[in-house]
Amino acid sequence: MINQSFQETNKFSISSRVQWLIVIACITMVFVACSKTDNYRSDPLSDYMPLQKGKYWIYLLDSTNYYNSQKVQTQYQLKDVVDDTLTDNLSRVAYRLIRYIRPSSSTSDTDWKLMGEYYMVPTKQTLETIDFYNFKYQSLKLPVALNLTWKGNSYLPAFPYSEALPVQSSFNFTVDGGMGDWDYTYTGVGESETINGKNYDNVVTVSQEDASTNLLEDNQTPTNVNDFATRAFSAEKYAKNVGLIYKKLELWEHQPASPTNPDGYYVGFGIQLQLIDHN
């Protein structure tokens, strides 16, 4: 694992929790699997996440953050650039990606502010991602075949967002427990998708989790304000010869009503990434 601490530069007037949402926004997950696929011919993973020096992706990030019983929604642009390669402690080639941020309405290159760096490591069967906090995710898995399933978060701590993060970035919830057991599944292969008004062919969908308790059909509203409710959803889409084009992650709880919060309150976050440009 690469020991790289998050280096914040150019304060951007965003809280540490919002920074964490941005950190995890582009983090991809996946690895380990099981199915009768020994003889299945598959496209290489590099087709779906091309990593070459100078390659970049620009995303529109929409984030929702619940804290102090308040719902805070923000929007930014993120830019990830493949900066260089190096060798990890297992003697594997790792790609270093630099992340930048700017206001969502900006079109000026001078507005990009450095946020930090993370790593991607292609292996024979998987694509690993190592984030700013040394969390390792397993992002894609061979073969790229419909219904292939694997444990994508098997290297994560037991409670990654509530216990393993620095206190100023952590969340006071328990819905992150058991993330290591999430089943990642290719639920779409070779499909067409329209993301932010642009059409993409040969898209692979990785469904990672879709679970809720005590919520109405909208998966947002508790069945009763006195109910403890949870929502955990995660999915990503990759386009061939492009890379990650879409990501959505929701992880939050609704705490029951109390004298100080008669409607109950939410704690947690949600993010959505949509690709808007790449080279």
C-alpha atoms as a PDB file:
ATOM      1  CA  MET A   1       0.000   0.000   0.000  1.00  0.00           C
ATOM      2  CA  ILE A   2       1.256   3.468  -0.778  1.00  0.00           C
ATOM      3  CA  ASN A   3       1.655   5.706   2.262  1.00  0.00           C
ATOM      4  CA  GLN A   4       0.462   9.062   0.965  1.00  0.00           C
ATOM      5  CA  SER A   5      -1.223  11.532   3.312  1.00  0.00           C
ATOM      6  CA  PHE A   6      -3.749  14.002   2.050  1.00  0.00           C
ATOM      7  CA  GLN A   7      -2.074  17.355   1.405  1.00  0.00           C
ATOM      8  CA  GLU A   8      -4.447  20.287   1.327  1.00  0.00           C
ATOM      9  CA  THR A   9      -3.263  23.409  -0.458  1.00  0.00           C
ATOM     10  CA  ASN A  10      -5.016  26.601  -1.466  1.00  0.00           C
ATOM     11  CA  LYS A  11      -7.831  26.717   1.072  1.00  0.00           C
ATOM     12  CA  PHE A  12     -11.064  26.680  -0.882  1.00  0.00           C
ATOM     13  CA  SER A  13     -13.522  27.692   1.844  1.00  0.00           C
ATOM     14  CA  ILE A  14     -14.968  24.213   2.136  1.00  0.00           C
ATOM     15  CA  SER A  15     -15.368  22.189   5.313  1.00  0.00           C
ATOM     16  CA  SER A  16     -13.317  19.088   6.025  1.00  0.00           C
ATOM     17  CA  ARG A  17     -16.426  16.948   5.568  1.00  0.00           C
ATOM     18  CA  VAL A  18     -17.161  18.438   2.174  1.00  0.00           C
ATOM     19  CA  GLN A  19     -13.500  17.878   1.323  1.00  0.00           C
ATOM     20  CA  TRP A  20     -13.952  14.244   2.255  1.00  0.00           C
ATOM     21  CA  LEU A  21     -16.971  13.944  -0.031  1.00  0.00           C
ATOM     22  CA  ILE A  22     -14.840  15.295  -2.829  1.00  0.00           C
ATOM     23  CA  VAL A  23     -12.061  12.898  -1.914  1.00  0.00           C
ATOM     24  CA  ILE A  24     -14.328   9.905  -2.158  1.00  0.00           C
ATOM     25  CA  ALA A  25     -16.268  11.223  -5.125  1.00  0.00           C
ATOM     26  CA  CYS A  26     -14.057   9.646  -7.718  1.00  0.00           C
ATOM     27  CA  ILE A  27     -12.857   6.735  -5.811  1.00  0.00           C
ATOM     28  CA  THR A  28     -13.621   3.533  -7.699  1.00  0.00           C
ATOM     29  CA  MET A  29     -14.242   0.169  -6.082  1.00  0.00           C
ATOM     30  CA  VAL A  30     -14.056  -3.557  -6.967  1.00  0.00           C
ATOM     31  CA  PHE A  31     -11.951  -6.836  -6.895  1.00  0.00           C
ATOM     32  CA  VAL A  32     -12.368 -10.557  -5.911  1.00  0.00           C
ATOM     33  CA  ALA A  33     -15.090 -12.524  -7.637  1.00  0.00           C
ATOM     34  CA  CYS A  34     -16.601 -15.890  -8.220  1.00  0.00           C
ATOM     35  CA  SER A  35     -18.428 -17.310 -11.223  1.00  0.00           C
ATOM     36  CA  LYS A  36     -18.037 -19.805 -14.053  1.00  0.00           C
ATOM     37  CA  THR A  37     -16.068 -17.476 -16.295  1.00  0.00           C
ATOM     38  CA  ASP A  38     -12.775 -19.322 -16.847  1.00  0.00           C
ATOM     39  CA  ASN A  39     -13.165 -19.407 -20.617  1.00  0.00           C
ATOM     40  CA  TYR A  40     -14.950 -16.093 -21.072  1.00  0.00           C
ATOM     41  CA  ARG A  41     -13.245 -13.718 -23.487  1.00  0.00           C
ATOM     42  CA  SER A  42     -13.298 -10.196 -22.090  1.00  0.00           C
ATOM     43  CA  ASP A  43     -12.116  -6.741 -23.017  1.00  0.00           C
ATOM     44  CA  PRO A  44      -9.091  -5.718 -20.914  1.00  0.00           C
ATOM     45  CA  LEU A  45      -9.798  -3.465 -17.945  1.00  0.00           C
ATOM     46  CA  SER A  46      -7.572  -0.799 -19.495  1.00  0.00           C
ATOM     47  CA  ASP A  47     -10.308  -0.305 -22.107  1.00  0.00           C
ATOM     48  CA  TYR A  48     -12.660   0.938 -19.375  1.00  0.00           C
ATOM     49  CA  MET A  49     -10.145   2.932 -17.325  1.00  0.00           C
ATOM     50  CA  PRO A  50      -7.364   4.070 -19.690  1.00  0.00           C
ATOM     51  CA  LEU A  51      -4.393   5.249 -17.663  1.00  0.00           C
ATOM     52  CA  GLN A  52      -1.728   7.139 -19.576  1.00  0.00           C
ATOM     53  CA  LYS A  53       0.330  10.093 -18.452  1.00  0.00           C
ATOM     54  CA  GLY A  54      -1.511  13.310 -19.326  1.00  0.00           C
ATOM     55  CA  LYS A  55      -4.962  11.717 -19.444  1.00  0.00           C
ATOM     56  CA  TYR A  56      -7.605  13.801 -17.651  1.00  0.00           C
ATOM     57  CA  TRP A  57     -11.286  13.715 -16.744  1.00  0.00           C
ATOM     58  CA  ILE A  58     -13.460  16.652 -15.629  1.00  0.00           C
ATOM     59  CA  TYR A  59     -16.598  15.957 -13.605  1.00  0.00           C
ATOM     60  CA  LEU A  60     -19.566  17.879 -12.285  1.00  0.00           C
ATOM     61  CA  LEU A  61     -19.883  17.012  -8.605  1.00  0.00           C
ATOM     62  CA  ASP A  62     -23.167  17.416  -6.737  1.00  0.00           C
ATOM     63  CA  SER A  63     -22.886  16.708  -3.024  1.00  0.00           C
ATOM     64  CA  THR A  64     -25.332  16.602  -0.140  1.00  0.00           C
ATOM     65  CA  ASN A  65     -24.082  16.737   3.413  1.00  0.00           C
ATOM     66  CA  TYR A  66     -26.172  16.377   6.553  1.00  0.00           C
ATOM     67  CA  TYR A  67     -24.724  17.865   9.703  1.00  0.00           C
ATOM     68  CA  ASN A  68     -26.067  19.767  12.682  1.00  0.00           C
ATOM     69  CA  SER A  69     -29.553  18.729  11.515  1.00  0.00           C
ATOM     70  CA  GLN A  70     -29.027  20.786   8.367  1.00  0.00           C
ATOM     71  CA  LYS A  71     -28.972  19.688   4.736  1.00  0.00           C
ATOM     72  CA  VAL A  72     -26.169  21.373   2.799  1.00  0.00           C
ATOM     73  CA  GLN A  73     -25.980  20.981  -0.982  1.00  0.00           C
ATOM     74  CA  THR A  74     -22.944  22.085  -2.981  1.00  0.00           C
ATOM     75  CA  GLN A  75     -21.684  21.822  -6.546  1.00  0.00           C
ATOM     76  CA  TYR A  76     -18.139  21.899  -7.915  1.00  0.00           C
ATOM     77  CA  GLN A  77     -16.070  20.745 -10.836  1.00  0.00           C
ATOM     78  CA  LEU A  78     -13.355  18.161 -10.274  1.00  0.00           C
ATOM     79  CA  LYS A  79     -10.423  17.400 -12.540  1.00  0.00           C
ATOM     80  CA  ASP A  80      -8.358  14.225 -12.242  1.00  0.00           C
ATOM     81  CA  VAL A  81      -5.075  14.069 -14.171  1.00  0.00           C
ATOM     82  CA  VAL A  82      -2.778  11.054 -14.614  1.00  0.00           C
ATOM     83  CA  ASP A  83       0.460  12.648 -13.484  1.00  0.00           C
ATOM     84  CA  ASP A  84       3.121   9.931 -13.313  1.00  0.00           C
ATOM     85  CA  THR A  85       3.919   6.285 -12.599  1.00  0.00           C
ATOM     86  CA  LEU A  86       5.847   4.730  -9.741  1.00  0.00           C
ATOM     87  CA  THR A  87       6.429   1.331  -8.159  1.00  0.00           C
ATOM     88  CA  ASP A  88       4.464   0.315  -5.058  1.00  0.00           C
ATOM     89  CA  ASN A  89       5.741  -1.839  -2.193  1.00  0.00           C
ATOM     90  CA  LEU A  90       4.713  -4.985  -4.089  1.00  0.00           C
ATOM     91  CA  SER A  91       6.838  -3.942  -7.083  1.00  0.00           C
ATOM     92  CA  ARG A  92       3.767  -3.156  -9.172  1.00  0.00           C
ATOM     93  CA  VAL A  93       3.338  -0.182 -11.478  1.00  0.00           C
ATOM     94  CA  ALA A  94       1.074   2.421  -9.883  1.00  0.00           C
ATOM     95  CA  TYR A  95      -0.399   5.490 -11.549  1.00  0.00           C
ATOM     96  CA  ARG A  96      -0.508   8.735  -9.585  1.00  0.00           C
ATOM     97  CA  LEU A  97      -3.563  10.912 -10.204  1.00  0.00           C
ATOM     98  CA  ILE A  98      -3.732  14.546  -9.140  1.00  0.00           C
ATOM     99  CA  ARG A  99      -7.096  16.038  -8.196  1.00  0.00           C
ATOM    100  CA  TYR A 100      -8.110  19.674  -8.670  1.00  0.00           C
ATOM    101  CA  ILE A 101     -11.280  21.586  -7.809  1.00  0.00           C
ATOM    102  CA  ARG A 102     -12.938  24.773  -9.053  1.00  0.00           C
ATOM    103  CA  PRO A 103     -16.377  26.445  -8.879  1.00  0.00           C
ATOM    104  CA  SER A 104     -19.039  24.661 -10.898  1.00  0.00           C
ATOM    105  CA  SER A 105     -19.654  27.699 -13.108  1.00  0.00           C
ATOM    106  CA  SER A 106     -15.993  28.341 -13.929  1.00  0.00           C
ATOM    107  CA  THR A 107     -14.433  27.857 -17.360  1.00  0.00           C
ATOM    108  CA  SER A 108     -11.017  29.313 -16.464  1.00  0.00           C
ATOM    109  CA  ASP A 109      -7.989  27.057 -16.037  1.00  0.00           C
ATOM    110  CA  THR A 110      -6.585  29.522 -13.520  1.00  0.00           C
ATOM    111  CA  ASP A 111      -9.410  28.640 -11.126  1.00  0.00           C
ATOM    112  CA  TRP A 112      -8.248  25.056 -10.605  1.00  0.00           C
ATOM    113  CA  LYS A 113      -6.991  24.542  -7.043  1.00  0.00           C
ATOM    114  CA  LEU A 114      -4.893  21.557  -6.016  1.00  0.00           C
ATOM    115  CA  MET A 115      -6.610  19.135  -3.640  1.00  0.00           C
ATOM    116  CA  GLY A 116      -4.374  16.089  -3.400  1.00  0.00           C
ATOM    117  CA  GLU A 117      -3.400  12.838  -5.078  1.00  0.00           C
ATOM    118  CA  TYR A 118      -4.416   9.187  -5.155  1.00  0.00           C
ATOM    119  CA  TYR A 119      -3.276   6.046  -6.948  1.00  0.00           C
ATOM    120  CA  MET A 120      -4.537   3.352  -9.288  1.00  0.00           C
ATOM    121  CA  VAL A 121      -2.795  -0.004  -9.666  1.00  0.00           C
ATOM    122  CA  PRO A 122      -3.699  -2.276 -12.595  1.00  0.00           C
ATOM    123  CA  THR A 123      -3.146  -5.970 -11.877  1.00  0.00           C
ATOM    124  CA  LYS A 124      -3.699  -9.035 -14.045  1.00  0.00           C
ATOM    125  CA  GLN A 125      -7.291  -9.403 -12.875  1.00  0.00           C
ATOM    126  CA  THR A 126      -8.287  -6.149 -11.183  1.00  0.00           C
ATOM    127  CA  LEU A 127      -7.910  -2.406 -10.945  1.00  0.00           C
ATOM    128  CA  GLU A 128      -7.096  -1.223  -7.424  1.00  0.00           C
ATOM    129  CA  THR A 129      -7.561   2.315  -6.141  1.00  0.00           C
ATOM    130  CA  ILE A 130      -5.699   3.686  -3.112  1.00  0.00           C
ATOM    131  CA  ASP A 131      -7.172   6.923  -1.846  1.00  0.00           C
ATOM    132  CA  PHE A 132      -5.930   9.914   0.139  1.00  0.00           C
ATOM    133  CA  TYR A 133      -6.373   8.041   3.424  1.00  0.00           C
ATOM    134  CA  ASN A 134      -4.763   4.776   2.261  1.00  0.00           C
ATOM    135  CA  PHE A 135      -8.143   3.067   1.891  1.00  0.00           C
ATOM    136  CA  LYS A 136      -7.799   0.447  -0.821  1.00  0.00           C
ATOM    137  CA  TYR A 137     -10.682  -0.336  -3.157  1.00  0.00           C
ATOM    138  CA  GLN A 138     -10.878  -2.946  -5.896  1.00  0.00           C
ATOM    139  CA  SER A 139     -12.328  -1.062  -8.791  1.00  0.00           C
ATOM    140  CA  LEU A 140     -12.820  -3.375 -11.742  1.00  0.00           C
ATOM    141  CA  LYS A 141     -12.593  -7.130 -12.151  1.00  0.00           C
ATOM    142  CA  LEU A 142     -11.992  -9.488 -15.052  1.00  0.00           C
ATOM    143  CA  PRO A 143     -13.798 -10.803 -16.923  1.00  0.00           C
ATOM    144  CA  VAL A 144     -16.127  -7.930 -17.757  1.00  0.00           C
ATOM    145  CA  ALA A 145     -19.202 -10.145 -17.957  1.00  0.00           C
ATOM    146  CA  LEU A 146     -22.854  -9.586 -17.106  1.00  0.00           C
ATOM    147  CA  ASN A 147     -23.729 -10.628 -13.529  1.00  0.00           C
ATOM    148  CA  LEU A 148     -20.131 -11.208 -12.446  1.00  0.00           C
ATOM    149  CA  THR A 149     -20.046 -10.507  -8.700  1.00  0.00           C
ATOM    150  CA  TRP A 150     -17.182  -9.829  -6.284  1.00  0.00           C
ATOM    151  CA  LYS A 151     -16.458  -8.282  -2.880  1.00  0.00           C
ATOM    152  CA  GLY A 152     -15.347  -4.827  -3.901  1.00  0.00           C
ATOM    153  CA  ASN A 153     -14.629  -3.341  -0.478  1.00  0.00           C
ATOM    154  CA  SER A 154     -12.888  -6.295   1.138  1.00  0.00           C
ATOM    155  CA  TYR A 155      -9.865  -4.213   2.199  1.00  0.00           C
ATOM    156  CA  LEU A 156     -11.851  -1.461   3.909  1.00  0.00           C
ATOM    157  CA  PRO A 157     -11.883  -0.994   7.699  1.00  0.00           C
ATOM    158  CA  ALA A 158     -14.986  -2.162   9.553  1.00  0.00           C
ATOM    159  CA  PHE A 159     -16.396   1.393   9.807  1.00  0.00           C
ATOM    160  CA  PRO A 160     -14.501   3.454   7.241  1.00  0.00           C
ATOM    161  CA  TYR A 161     -16.427   6.738   7.424  1.00  0.00           C
ATOM    162  CA  SER A 162     -17.395   6.802  11.109  1.00  0.00           C
ATOM    163  CA  GLU A 163     -14.279   5.427  12.831  1.00  0.00           C
ATOM    164  CA  ALA A 164     -11.300   5.249  10.464  1.00  0.00           C
ATOM    165  CA  LEU A 165     -11.297   8.857   9.261  1.00  0.00           C
ATOM    166  CA  PRO A 166      -9.859  11.823  11.169  1.00  0.00           C
ATOM    167  CA  VAL A 167     -12.400  13.137  13.671  1.00  0.00           C
ATOM    168  CA  GLN A 168     -12.997  16.375  11.769  1.00  0.00           C
ATOM    169  CA  SER A 169     -13.973  14.408   8.645  1.00  0.00           C
ATOM    170  CA  SER A 170     -15.896  11.513  10.190  1.00  0.00           C
ATOM    171  CA  PHE A 171     -19.651  10.957  10.427  1.00  0.00           C
ATOM    172  CA  ASN A 172     -21.567   9.991  13.545  1.00  0.00           C
ATOM    173  CA  PHE A 173     -23.473   7.069  12.055  1.00  0.00           C
ATOM    174  CA  THR A 174     -23.269   3.273  11.768  1.00  0.00           C
ATOM    175  CA  VAL A 175     -24.624   2.720   8.264  1.00  0.00           C
ATOM    176  CA  ASP A 176     -21.046   2.244   7.010  1.00  0.00           C
ATOM    177  CA  GLY A 177     -20.717  -0.961   9.017  1.00  0.00           C
ATOM    178  CA  GLY A 178     -20.487  -4.000   6.773  1.00  0.00           C
ATOM    179  CA  MET A 179     -19.284  -2.137   3.688  1.00  0.00           C
ATOM    180  CA  GLY A 180     -16.591  -4.789   3.332  1.00  0.00           C
ATOM    181  CA  ASP A 181     -19.335  -7.290   2.484  1.00  0.00           C
ATOM    182  CA  TRP A 182     -20.878  -5.280  -0.333  1.00  0.00           C
ATOM    183  CA  ASP A 183     -21.343  -7.322  -3.500  1.00  0.00           C
ATOM    184  CA  TYR A 184     -20.257  -5.582  -6.681  1.00  0.00           C
ATOM    185  CA  THR A 185     -22.012  -6.800  -9.808  1.00  0.00           C
ATOM    186  CA  TYR A 186     -21.798  -6.010 -13.506  1.00  0.00           C
ATOM    187  CA  THR A 187     -25.485  -5.267 -14.111  1.00  0.00           C
ATOM    188  CA  GLY A 188     -24.942  -3.752 -17.549  1.00  0.00           C
ATOM    189  CA  VAL A 189     -22.345  -4.523 -20.232  1.00  0.00           C
ATOM    190  CA  GLY A 190     -22.118  -2.975 -23.694  1.00  0.00           C
ATOM    191  CA  GLU A 191     -24.972  -0.546 -23.120  1.00  0.00           C
ATOM    192  CA  SER A 192     -25.521   3.042 -24.274  1.00  0.00           C
ATOM    193  CA  GLU A 193     -25.864   5.856 -21.746  1.00  0.00           C
ATOM    194  CA  THR A 194     -26.514   9.589 -21.841  1.00  0.00           C
ATOM    195  CA  ILE A 195     -24.607  11.433 -19.112  1.00  0.00           C
ATOM    196  CA  ASN A 196     -24.936  15.193 -18.757  1.00  0.00           C
ATOM    197  CA  GLY A 197     -26.306  15.406 -22.299  1.00  0.00           C
ATOM    198  CA  LYS A 198     -23.523  13.354 -23.921  1.00  0.00           C
ATOM    199  CA  ASN A 199     -23.962   9.893 -25.400  1.00  0.00           C
ATOM    200  CA  TYR A 200     -21.579   7.041 -24.595  1.00  0.00           C
ATOM    201  CA  ASP A 201     -21.472   3.562 -26.112  1.00  0.00           C
ATOM    202  CA  ASN A 202     -20.119   0.315 -24.659  1.00  0.00           C
ATOM    203  CA  VAL A 203     -20.862   1.286 -21.075  1.00  0.00           C
ATOM    204  CA  VAL A 204     -20.357  -1.055 -18.125  1.00  0.00           C
ATOM    205  CA  THR A 205     -22.473  -0.549 -14.993  1.00  0.00           C
ATOM    206  CA  VAL A 206     -21.095  -1.670 -11.638  1.00  0.00           C
ATOM    207  CA  SER A 207     -23.896  -1.897  -9.070  1.00  0.00           C
ATOM    208  CA  GLN A 208     -22.297  -1.920  -5.637  1.00  0.00           C
ATOM    209  CA  GLU A 209     -25.092  -1.589  -3.086  1.00  0.00           C
ATOM    210  CA  ASP A 210     -28.791  -0.721  -2.928  1.00  0.00           C
ATOM    211  CA  ALA A 211     -30.246  -1.131   0.553  1.00  0.00           C
ATOM    212  CA  SER A 212     -32.662   0.790   2.752  1.00  0.00           C
ATOM    213  CA  THR A 213     -34.596   0.324   5.981  1.00  0.00           C
ATOM    214  CA  ASN A 214     -37.837   2.003   7.043  1.00  0.00           C
ATOM    215  CA  LEU A 215     -38.056   4.258   3.989  1.00  0.00           C
ATOM    216  CA  LEU A 216     -40.919   4.948   1.602  1.00  0.00           C
ATOM    217  CA  GLU A 217     -40.623   4.060  -2.090  1.00  0.00           C
ATOM    218  CA  ASP A 218     -38.713   7.269  -2.808  1.00  0.00           C
ATOM    219  CA  ASN A 219     -35.876   5.923  -0.627  1.00  0.00           C
ATOM    220  CA  GLN A 220     -35.656   9.354   0.996  1.00  0.00           C
ATOM    221  CA  THR A 221     -38.603   9.670   3.375  1.00  0.00           C
ATOM    222  CA  PRO A 222     -38.857   7.656   6.617  1.00  0.00           C
ATOM    223  CA  THR A 223     -42.011   5.628   7.029  1.00  0.00           C
ATOM    224  CA  ASN A 224     -42.460   7.490  10.311  1.00  0.00           C
ATOM    225  CA  VAL A 225     -40.536  10.332  11.969  1.00  0.00           C
ATOM    226  CA  ASN A 226     -40.161   8.044  14.978  1.00  0.00           C
ATOM    227  CA  ASP A 227     -38.380   5.409  12.885  1.00  0.00           C
ATOM    228  CA  PHE A 228     -34.668   4.862  12.612  1.00  0.00           C
ATOM    229  CA  ALA A 229     -34.035   4.646   8.856  1.00  0.00           C
ATOM    230  CA  THR A 230     -30.992   4.035   6.657  1.00  0.00           C
ATOM    231  CA  ARG A 231     -29.966   4.362   3.034  1.00  0.00           C
ATOM    232  CA  ALA A 232     -26.902   2.831   1.359  1.00  0.00           C
ATOM    233  CA  PHE A 233     -26.599   3.095  -2.415  1.00  0.00           C
ATOM    234  CA  SER A 234     -23.571   2.994  -4.680  1.00  0.00           C
ATOM    235  CA  ALA A 235     -23.104   2.539  -8.436  1.00  0.00           C
ATOM    236  CA  GLU A 236     -20.587   3.472 -11.121  1.00  0.00           C
ATOM    237  CA  LYS A 237     -20.546   3.519 -14.918  1.00  0.00           C
ATOM    238  CA  TYR A 238     -17.494   3.186 -17.163  1.00  0.00           C
ATOM    239  CA  ALA A 239     -17.398   3.819 -20.910  1.00  0.00           C
ATOM    240  CA  LYS A 240     -14.991   1.926 -23.138  1.00  0.00           C
ATOM    241  CA  ASN A 241     -11.957   4.017 -24.136  1.00  0.00           C
ATOM    242  CA  VAL A 242     -13.161   6.835 -21.851  1.00  0.00           C
ATOM    243  CA  GLY A 243     -13.134   5.772 -18.190  1.00  0.00           C
ATOM    244  CA  LEU A 244     -15.469   6.587 -15.315  1.00  0.00           C
ATOM    245  CA  ILE A 245     -18.428   8.590 -16.613  1.00  0.00           C
ATOM    246  CA  TYR A 246     -20.849   8.426 -13.674  1.00  0.00           C
ATOM    247  CA  LYS A 247     -20.853   7.687  -9.966  1.00  0.00           C
ATOM    248  CA  LYS A 248     -23.520   7.919  -7.304  1.00  0.00           C
ATOM    249  CA  LEU A 249     -23.086   7.210  -3.612  1.00  0.00           C
ATOM    250  CA  GLU A 250     -25.561   7.700  -0.764  1.00  0.00           C
ATOM    251  CA  LEU A 251     -24.785   6.777   2.825  1.00  0.00           C
ATOM    252  CA  TRP A 252     -26.982   8.228   5.557  1.00  0.00           C
ATOM    253  CA  GLU A 253     -29.257   7.585   8.507  1.00  0.00           C
ATOM    254  CA  HIS A 254     -32.430   9.170   9.817  1.00  0.00           C
ATOM    255  CA  GLN A 255     -32.454   9.459  13.585  1.00  0.00           C
ATOM    256  CA  PRO A 256     -35.865   9.203  15.307  1.00  0.00           C
ATOM    257  CA  ALA A 257     -37.778  12.219  16.559  1.00  0.00           C
ATOM    258  CA  SER A 258     -36.779  13.716  19.896  1.00  0.00           C
ATOM    259  CA  PRO A 259     -37.842  16.735  21.985  1.00  0.00           C
ATOM    260  CA  THR A 260     -35.133  18.844  20.340  1.00  0.00           C
ATOM    261  CA  ASN A 261     -35.787  17.416  16.838  1.00  0.00           C
ATOM    262  CA  PRO A 262     -39.519  16.632  16.574  1.00  0.00           C
ATOM    263  CA  ASP A 263     -39.141  15.548  12.931  1.00  0.00           C
ATOM    264  CA  GLY A 264     -36.003  13.551  13.544  1.00  0.00           C
ATOM    265  CA  TYR A 265     -32.824  14.387  11.674  1.00  0.00           C
ATOM    266  CA  TYR A 266     -30.446  13.021   9.046  1.00  0.00           C
ATOM    267  CA  VAL A 267     -26.736  12.333   9.320  1.00  0.00           C
ATOM    268  CA  GLY A 268     -24.517  11.320   6.402  1.00  0.00           C
ATOM    269  CA  PHE A 269     -23.862  12.319   2.824  1.00  0.00           C
ATOM    270  CA  GLY A 270     -24.523  11.726  -0.850  1.00  0.00           C
ATOM    271  CA  ILE A 271     -22.544  12.503  -3.999  1.00  0.00           C
ATOM    272  CA  GLN A 272     -23.117  12.310  -7.735  1.00  0.00           C
ATOM    273  CA  LEU A 273     -20.427  12.621 -10.408  1.00  0.00           C
ATOM    274  CA  GLN A 274     -21.116  13.204 -14.096  1.00  0.00           C
ATOM    275  CA  LEU A 275     -18.367  13.408 -16.705  1.00  0.00           C
ATOM    276  CA  ILE A 276     -18.352  16.695 -18.620  1.00  0.00           C
ATOM    277  CA  ASP A 277     -15.005  16.562 -20.446  1.00  0.00           C
ATOM    278  CA  HIS A 278     -11.980  14.326 -21.051  1.00  0.00           C
ATOM    279  CA  ASN A 279      -9.110  13.842 -23.476  1.00  0.00           C
END
